[in-house]
Amino acid sequence: MSELVEISLRSIYVNCLATFIASLIGVPLALFLDVSRFHFKGAVLLIFQTLVGIPPVLIGLILWLLLSRSGPLGGLDLLFTTTAMIVAQVLIALPIIVTMSHSHFARVDDRIKFLVLTLGANKLQLMGAILRESLSGVLSAILTAFGRVAGEVGAVMIVGGNILGRTRVLTTSIVLYTNTGQFEKAILAGVILLCIAFTVNLVANLLSKRSKT
């Protein structure tokens, strides 16, 4: 049981931190793309939309090649660490957050944007107003990204190695327990994963309702 507690805490740490970092990067980037006008804006959005569908195992493979001893970043010694797992999950979550958040920002009524600008707001204040109008949509994007990384196996298995006491998380432990016939542990790990996802969604919904009051 203590093993599952340790694995669960590591899963919460890796998944939440990866989603948080991706949100810190993705939401401002989506806001910038919404209020800015430049020639390659459509191409940038298309790239992020394409990356939403990239197989996570491919991200894991690319990171492994970069972080391996013979790779360009091998000197950082990050392979088979939780840091590498977090980086992999950030790369998985970021396109989801950027794409979904931008779609919600784009739906904000142009009259609201025009009113904010006519009141003398600068670009940063305009971005803040758009974010307030789309807060529930942004939370939805973040939750979707969290769900994606929380259920990820391939990428974290490749760069983390599923090492007991170091990089094993709930999803990789479920695979291991199933392959070794430890079905009770596999089911328990799955239940814990569902409980974590439910708790995160519950907290996010409560925050969303509170922001509307």
C-alpha atoms as a PDB file:
ATOM      1  CA  MET A   1       0.000   0.000   0.000  1.00  0.00           C
ATOM      2  CA  SER A   2       2.867   2.387   0.802  1.00  0.00           C
ATOM      3  CA  GLU A   3       4.171   1.799  -2.727  1.00  0.00           C
ATOM      4  CA  LEU A   4       0.886   2.968  -4.242  1.00  0.00           C
ATOM      5  CA  VAL A   5       0.807   6.035  -1.976  1.00  0.00           C
ATOM      6  CA  GLU A   6       4.284   7.017  -3.169  1.00  0.00           C
ATOM      7  CA  ILE A   7       3.339   6.402  -6.809  1.00  0.00           C
ATOM      8  CA  SER A   8       0.122   8.413  -6.399  1.00  0.00           C
ATOM      9  CA  LEU A   9       1.923  11.394  -4.864  1.00  0.00           C
ATOM     10  CA  ARG A  10       4.488  11.323  -7.658  1.00  0.00           C
ATOM     11  CA  SER A  11       1.698  11.192 -10.249  1.00  0.00           C
ATOM     12  CA  ILE A  12      -0.045  14.192  -8.694  1.00  0.00           C
ATOM     13  CA  TYR A  13       3.236  16.121  -8.589  1.00  0.00           C
ATOM     14  CA  VAL A  14       4.223  15.354 -12.189  1.00  0.00           C
ATOM     15  CA  ASN A  15       0.771  15.833 -13.729  1.00  0.00           C
ATOM     16  CA  CYS A  16      -0.140  19.010 -11.839  1.00  0.00           C
ATOM     17  CA  LEU A  17       3.246  20.673 -12.308  1.00  0.00           C
ATOM     18  CA  ALA A  18       3.315  19.842 -16.027  1.00  0.00           C
ATOM     19  CA  THR A  19      -0.216  21.204 -16.512  1.00  0.00           C
ATOM     20  CA  PHE A  20       0.619  24.327 -14.485  1.00  0.00           C
ATOM     21  CA  ILE A  21       3.742  25.069 -16.533  1.00  0.00           C
ATOM     22  CA  ALA A  22       1.889  24.427 -19.801  1.00  0.00           C
ATOM     23  CA  SER A  23      -0.873  26.791 -18.642  1.00  0.00           C
ATOM     24  CA  LEU A  24       1.603  29.531 -17.718  1.00  0.00           C
ATOM     25  CA  ILE A  25       3.003  29.346 -21.237  1.00  0.00           C
ATOM     26  CA  GLY A  26      -0.084  28.410 -23.240  1.00  0.00           C
ATOM     27  CA  VAL A  27      -2.740  30.827 -21.965  1.00  0.00           C
ATOM     28  CA  PRO A  28      -0.669  34.022 -22.465  1.00  0.00           C
ATOM     29  CA  LEU A  29       0.476  32.701 -25.844  1.00  0.00           C
ATOM     30  CA  ALA A  30      -3.127  32.080 -26.913  1.00  0.00           C
ATOM     31  CA  LEU A  31      -4.075  35.588 -25.745  1.00  0.00           C
ATOM     32  CA  PHE A  32      -1.181  37.076 -27.692  1.00  0.00           C
ATOM     33  CA  LEU A  33      -2.252  35.192 -30.822  1.00  0.00           C
ATOM     34  CA  ASP A  34      -5.811  36.461 -30.394  1.00  0.00           C
ATOM     35  CA  VAL A  35      -5.007  40.178 -30.072  1.00  0.00           C
ATOM     36  CA  SER A  36      -2.043  40.291 -32.443  1.00  0.00           C
ATOM     37  CA  ARG A  37      -2.061  40.641 -36.194  1.00  0.00           C
ATOM     38  CA  PHE A  38       0.934  39.294 -38.107  1.00  0.00           C
ATOM     39  CA  HIS A  39       1.502  37.434 -41.357  1.00  0.00           C
ATOM     40  CA  PHE A  40       2.243  33.985 -39.948  1.00  0.00           C
ATOM     41  CA  LYS A  41      -0.487  33.917 -37.309  1.00  0.00           C
ATOM     42  CA  GLY A  42      -2.546  31.344 -39.220  1.00  0.00           C
ATOM     43  CA  ALA A  43       0.512  29.149 -39.723  1.00  0.00           C
ATOM     44  CA  VAL A  44       1.365  29.271 -35.998  1.00  0.00           C
ATOM     45  CA  LEU A  45      -2.181  28.275 -35.055  1.00  0.00           C
ATOM     46  CA  LEU A  46      -2.111  25.483 -37.640  1.00  0.00           C
ATOM     47  CA  ILE A  47       1.112  24.133 -36.128  1.00  0.00           C
ATOM     48  CA  PHE A  48      -0.417  24.013 -32.646  1.00  0.00           C
ATOM     49  CA  GLN A  49      -3.597  22.407 -33.995  1.00  0.00           C
ATOM     50  CA  THR A  50      -1.476  19.763 -35.713  1.00  0.00           C
ATOM     51  CA  LEU A  51       0.544  19.120 -32.557  1.00  0.00           C
ATOM     52  CA  VAL A  52      -2.669  18.383 -30.643  1.00  0.00           C
ATOM     53  CA  GLY A  53      -2.923  15.123 -32.564  1.00  0.00           C
ATOM     54  CA  ILE A  54       0.749  14.123 -32.394  1.00  0.00           C
ATOM     55  CA  PRO A  55       1.215  10.681 -30.771  1.00  0.00           C
ATOM     56  CA  PRO A  56       2.634  11.201 -27.260  1.00  0.00           C
ATOM     57  CA  VAL A  57       4.970   8.254 -27.794  1.00  0.00           C
ATOM     58  CA  LEU A  58       6.608  10.239 -30.608  1.00  0.00           C
ATOM     59  CA  ILE A  59       7.210  13.126 -28.206  1.00  0.00           C
ATOM     60  CA  GLY A  60       8.762  10.642 -25.815  1.00  0.00           C
ATOM     61  CA  LEU A  61      11.007   9.265 -28.547  1.00  0.00           C
ATOM     62  CA  ILE A  62      12.192  12.734 -29.627  1.00  0.00           C
ATOM     63  CA  LEU A  63      12.936  13.674 -26.024  1.00  0.00           C
ATOM     64  CA  TRP A  64      14.785  10.401 -25.490  1.00  0.00           C
ATOM     65  CA  LEU A  65      16.974  11.118 -28.514  1.00  0.00           C
ATOM     66  CA  LEU A  66      17.693  14.625 -27.217  1.00  0.00           C
ATOM     67  CA  LEU A  67      18.385  13.578 -23.620  1.00  0.00           C
ATOM     68  CA  SER A  68      20.243  10.307 -24.188  1.00  0.00           C
ATOM     69  CA  ARG A  69      23.988  10.147 -23.586  1.00  0.00           C
ATOM     70  CA  SER A  70      24.712  10.583 -27.290  1.00  0.00           C
ATOM     71  CA  GLY A  71      22.074  13.300 -27.734  1.00  0.00           C
ATOM     72  CA  PRO A  72      22.685  17.064 -27.822  1.00  0.00           C
ATOM     73  CA  LEU A  73      21.231  17.493 -24.310  1.00  0.00           C
ATOM     74  CA  GLY A  74      22.747  14.346 -22.833  1.00  0.00           C
ATOM     75  CA  GLY A  75      25.057  16.373 -20.612  1.00  0.00           C
ATOM     76  CA  LEU A  76      22.056  17.575 -18.581  1.00  0.00           C
ATOM     77  CA  ASP A  77      21.591  14.017 -17.278  1.00  0.00           C
ATOM     78  CA  LEU A  78      17.795  14.344 -17.275  1.00  0.00           C
ATOM     79  CA  LEU A  79      16.848  11.034 -18.855  1.00  0.00           C
ATOM     80  CA  PHE A  80      14.924   8.696 -16.531  1.00  0.00           C
ATOM     81  CA  THR A  81      14.028  11.503 -14.123  1.00  0.00           C
ATOM     82  CA  THR A  82      10.751  13.139 -13.149  1.00  0.00           C
ATOM     83  CA  THR A  83      12.017  16.336 -14.810  1.00  0.00           C
ATOM     84  CA  ALA A  84      12.106  14.587 -18.189  1.00  0.00           C
ATOM     85  CA  MET A  85       8.589  13.268 -17.567  1.00  0.00           C
ATOM     86  CA  ILE A  86       7.346  16.770 -16.744  1.00  0.00           C
ATOM     87  CA  VAL A  87       8.941  18.183 -19.908  1.00  0.00           C
ATOM     88  CA  ALA A  88       7.253  15.459 -21.979  1.00  0.00           C
ATOM     89  CA  GLN A  89       3.881  16.204 -20.425  1.00  0.00           C
ATOM     90  CA  VAL A  90       4.306  19.956 -20.910  1.00  0.00           C
ATOM     91  CA  LEU A  91       4.896  19.332 -24.620  1.00  0.00           C
ATOM     92  CA  ILE A  92       1.743  17.188 -24.737  1.00  0.00           C
ATOM     93  CA  ALA A  93      -0.435  19.669 -22.820  1.00  0.00           C
ATOM     94  CA  LEU A  94       0.776  22.917 -24.411  1.00  0.00           C
ATOM     95  CA  PRO A  95      -0.836  22.527 -27.876  1.00  0.00           C
ATOM     96  CA  ILE A  96      -4.143  21.561 -26.258  1.00  0.00           C
ATOM     97  CA  ILE A  97      -4.184  24.618 -24.000  1.00  0.00           C
ATOM     98  CA  VAL A  98      -3.115  27.021 -26.759  1.00  0.00           C
ATOM     99  CA  THR A  99      -5.608  25.696 -29.317  1.00  0.00           C
ATOM    100  CA  MET A 100      -8.630  25.422 -27.005  1.00  0.00           C
ATOM    101  CA  SER A 101      -7.954  28.701 -25.193  1.00  0.00           C
ATOM    102  CA  HIS A 102      -7.530  30.591 -28.455  1.00  0.00           C
ATOM    103  CA  SER A 103     -10.840  29.221 -29.748  1.00  0.00           C
ATOM    104  CA  HIS A 104     -12.587  30.576 -26.635  1.00  0.00           C
ATOM    105  CA  PHE A 105     -10.814  33.941 -26.880  1.00  0.00           C
ATOM    106  CA  ALA A 106     -11.851  34.232 -30.520  1.00  0.00           C
ATOM    107  CA  ARG A 107     -15.505  33.808 -29.506  1.00  0.00           C
ATOM    108  CA  VAL A 108     -15.495  36.878 -27.260  1.00  0.00           C
ATOM    109  CA  ASP A 109     -17.846  39.466 -28.740  1.00  0.00           C
ATOM    110  CA  ASP A 110     -15.924  42.012 -30.841  1.00  0.00           C
ATOM    111  CA  ARG A 111     -18.092  44.742 -29.328  1.00  0.00           C
ATOM    112  CA  ILE A 112     -16.596  43.998 -25.903  1.00  0.00           C
ATOM    113  CA  LYS A 113     -13.080  44.237 -27.318  1.00  0.00           C
ATOM    114  CA  PHE A 114     -13.951  47.489 -29.100  1.00  0.00           C
ATOM    115  CA  LEU A 115     -15.472  48.960 -25.924  1.00  0.00           C
ATOM    116  CA  VAL A 116     -12.388  48.101 -23.886  1.00  0.00           C
ATOM    117  CA  LEU A 117     -10.145  49.758 -26.487  1.00  0.00           C
ATOM    118  CA  THR A 118     -12.309  52.887 -26.716  1.00  0.00           C
ATOM    119  CA  LEU A 119     -12.020  53.267 -22.927  1.00  0.00           C
ATOM    120  CA  GLY A 120      -8.286  53.690 -23.418  1.00  0.00           C
ATOM    121  CA  ALA A 121      -7.094  50.205 -22.536  1.00  0.00           C
ATOM    122  CA  ASN A 122      -3.693  49.079 -23.763  1.00  0.00           C
ATOM    123  CA  LYS A 123      -3.037  45.635 -25.265  1.00  0.00           C
ATOM    124  CA  LEU A 124      -2.247  44.073 -21.895  1.00  0.00           C
ATOM    125  CA  GLN A 125      -5.496  45.350 -20.380  1.00  0.00           C
ATOM    126  CA  LEU A 126      -7.392  44.112 -23.434  1.00  0.00           C
ATOM    127  CA  MET A 127      -5.894  40.656 -22.918  1.00  0.00           C
ATOM    128  CA  GLY A 128      -7.016  40.753 -19.280  1.00  0.00           C
ATOM    129  CA  ALA A 129     -10.575  41.621 -20.283  1.00  0.00           C
ATOM    130  CA  ILE A 130     -10.677  38.809 -22.852  1.00  0.00           C
ATOM    131  CA  LEU A 131      -9.347  36.359 -20.259  1.00  0.00           C
ATOM    132  CA  ARG A 132     -12.062  37.335 -17.767  1.00  0.00           C
ATOM    133  CA  GLU A 133     -14.754  36.827 -20.405  1.00  0.00           C
ATOM    134  CA  SER A 134     -13.356  33.385 -21.298  1.00  0.00           C
ATOM    135  CA  LEU A 135     -12.315  32.106 -17.882  1.00  0.00           C
ATOM    136  CA  SER A 136     -14.592  29.060 -17.885  1.00  0.00           C
ATOM    137  CA  GLY A 137     -13.360  28.104 -21.358  1.00  0.00           C
ATOM    138  CA  VAL A 138      -9.738  28.434 -20.271  1.00  0.00           C
ATOM    139  CA  LEU A 139     -10.410  26.206 -17.255  1.00  0.00           C
ATOM    140  CA  SER A 140     -11.977  23.688 -19.610  1.00  0.00           C
ATOM    141  CA  ALA A 141      -8.848  23.756 -21.780  1.00  0.00           C
ATOM    142  CA  ILE A 142      -6.611  23.242 -18.745  1.00  0.00           C
ATOM    143  CA  LEU A 143      -8.763  20.356 -17.499  1.00  0.00           C
ATOM    144  CA  THR A 144      -8.659  18.723 -20.913  1.00  0.00           C
ATOM    145  CA  ALA A 145      -4.873  19.013 -20.935  1.00  0.00           C
ATOM    146  CA  PHE A 146      -4.664  17.618 -17.413  1.00  0.00           C
ATOM    147  CA  GLY A 147      -6.811  14.650 -18.391  1.00  0.00           C
ATOM    148  CA  ARG A 148      -4.559  14.000 -21.365  1.00  0.00           C
ATOM    149  CA  VAL A 149      -1.313  14.022 -19.373  1.00  0.00           C
ATOM    150  CA  ALA A 150      -2.791  12.182 -16.404  1.00  0.00           C
ATOM    151  CA  GLY A 151      -3.667   9.257 -18.653  1.00  0.00           C
ATOM    152  CA  GLU A 152      -0.409   9.297 -20.616  1.00  0.00           C
ATOM    153  CA  VAL A 153       1.731   6.142 -20.652  1.00  0.00           C
ATOM    154  CA  GLY A 154       4.000   6.005 -23.705  1.00  0.00           C
ATOM    155  CA  ALA A 155       5.962   9.257 -23.399  1.00  0.00           C
ATOM    156  CA  VAL A 156       6.525   9.028 -19.637  1.00  0.00           C
ATOM    157  CA  MET A 157       7.497   5.368 -19.950  1.00  0.00           C
ATOM    158  CA  ILE A 158      10.170   6.207 -22.556  1.00  0.00           C
ATOM    159  CA  VAL A 159      11.764   9.192 -20.814  1.00  0.00           C
ATOM    160  CA  GLY A 160      11.042   8.065 -17.243  1.00  0.00           C
ATOM    161  CA  GLY A 161      11.834   4.382 -17.484  1.00  0.00           C
ATOM    162  CA  ASN A 162       9.137   3.363 -14.953  1.00  0.00           C
ATOM    163  CA  ILE A 163      11.761   3.037 -12.198  1.00  0.00           C
ATOM    164  CA  LEU A 164      10.386   2.036  -8.809  1.00  0.00           C
ATOM    165  CA  GLY A 165      10.946   4.760  -6.232  1.00  0.00           C
ATOM    166  CA  ARG A 166      12.008   7.301  -8.859  1.00  0.00           C
ATOM    167  CA  THR A 167       9.824   7.644 -11.946  1.00  0.00           C
ATOM    168  CA  ARG A 168       6.960   5.160 -11.607  1.00  0.00           C
ATOM    169  CA  VAL A 169       3.536   6.815 -11.823  1.00  0.00           C
ATOM    170  CA  LEU A 170       0.000   5.472 -11.767  1.00  0.00           C
ATOM    171  CA  THR A 171      -0.396   4.915 -15.495  1.00  0.00           C
ATOM    172  CA  THR A 172       2.908   3.089 -15.909  1.00  0.00           C
ATOM    173  CA  SER A 173       2.279   1.068 -12.749  1.00  0.00           C
ATOM    174  CA  ILE A 174      -1.081  -0.062 -14.147  1.00  0.00           C
ATOM    175  CA  VAL A 175       0.694  -1.387 -17.236  1.00  0.00           C
ATOM    176  CA  LEU A 176       3.316  -3.137 -15.103  1.00  0.00           C
ATOM    177  CA  TYR A 177       0.790  -4.662 -12.679  1.00  0.00           C
ATOM    178  CA  THR A 178      -1.372  -5.898 -15.542  1.00  0.00           C
ATOM    179  CA  ASN A 179       1.578  -7.455 -17.376  1.00  0.00           C
ATOM    180  CA  THR A 180       2.734  -9.222 -14.199  1.00  0.00           C
ATOM    181  CA  GLY A 181      -0.746 -10.480 -13.282  1.00  0.00           C
ATOM    182  CA  GLN A 182      -1.182  -8.204 -10.252  1.00  0.00           C
ATOM    183  CA  PHE A 183      -4.718  -7.275 -11.234  1.00  0.00           C
ATOM    184  CA  GLU A 184      -5.856  -6.139  -7.782  1.00  0.00           C
ATOM    185  CA  LYS A 185      -3.061  -3.571  -7.649  1.00  0.00           C
ATOM    186  CA  ALA A 186      -3.797  -2.533 -11.230  1.00  0.00           C
ATOM    187  CA  ILE A 187      -7.467  -1.950 -10.430  1.00  0.00           C
ATOM    188  CA  LEU A 188      -6.614  -0.057  -7.233  1.00  0.00           C
ATOM    189  CA  ALA A 189      -4.172   2.167  -9.131  1.00  0.00           C
ATOM    190  CA  GLY A 190      -6.889   2.834 -11.721  1.00  0.00           C
ATOM    191  CA  VAL A 191      -9.393   3.779  -9.005  1.00  0.00           C
ATOM    192  CA  ILE A 192      -6.864   6.165  -7.448  1.00  0.00           C
ATOM    193  CA  LEU A 193      -6.246   7.743 -10.862  1.00  0.00           C
ATOM    194  CA  LEU A 194      -9.984   8.259 -11.349  1.00  0.00           C
ATOM    195  CA  CYS A 195     -10.295   9.799  -7.878  1.00  0.00           C
ATOM    196  CA  ILE A 196      -7.484  12.257  -8.614  1.00  0.00           C
ATOM    197  CA  ALA A 197      -9.103  13.259 -11.910  1.00  0.00           C
ATOM    198  CA  PHE A 198     -12.507  13.656 -10.205  1.00  0.00           C
ATOM    199  CA  THR A 199     -11.034  15.828  -7.434  1.00  0.00           C
ATOM    200  CA  VAL A 200      -9.224  18.104  -9.895  1.00  0.00           C
ATOM    201  CA  ASN A 201     -12.401  18.511 -11.974  1.00  0.00           C
ATOM    202  CA  LEU A 202     -14.479  19.216  -8.864  1.00  0.00           C
ATOM    203  CA  VAL A 203     -12.099  21.918  -7.650  1.00  0.00           C
ATOM    204  CA  ALA A 204     -11.947  23.495 -11.122  1.00  0.00           C
ATOM    205  CA  ASN A 205     -15.757  23.554 -11.401  1.00  0.00           C
ATOM    206  CA  LEU A 206     -16.071  25.169  -7.977  1.00  0.00           C
ATOM    207  CA  LEU A 207     -13.514  27.815  -8.971  1.00  0.00           C
ATOM    208  CA  SER A 208     -15.358  28.408 -12.232  1.00  0.00           C
ATOM    209  CA  LYS A 209     -18.688  28.933 -10.453  1.00  0.00           C
ATOM    210  CA  ARG A 210     -17.054  31.212  -7.892  1.00  0.00           C
ATOM    211  CA  SER A 211     -15.508  33.354 -10.648  1.00  0.00           C
ATOM    212  CA  LYS A 212     -18.965  33.923 -12.159  1.00  0.00           C
ATOM    213  CA  THR A 213     -20.480  35.209  -8.910  1.00  0.00           C
END
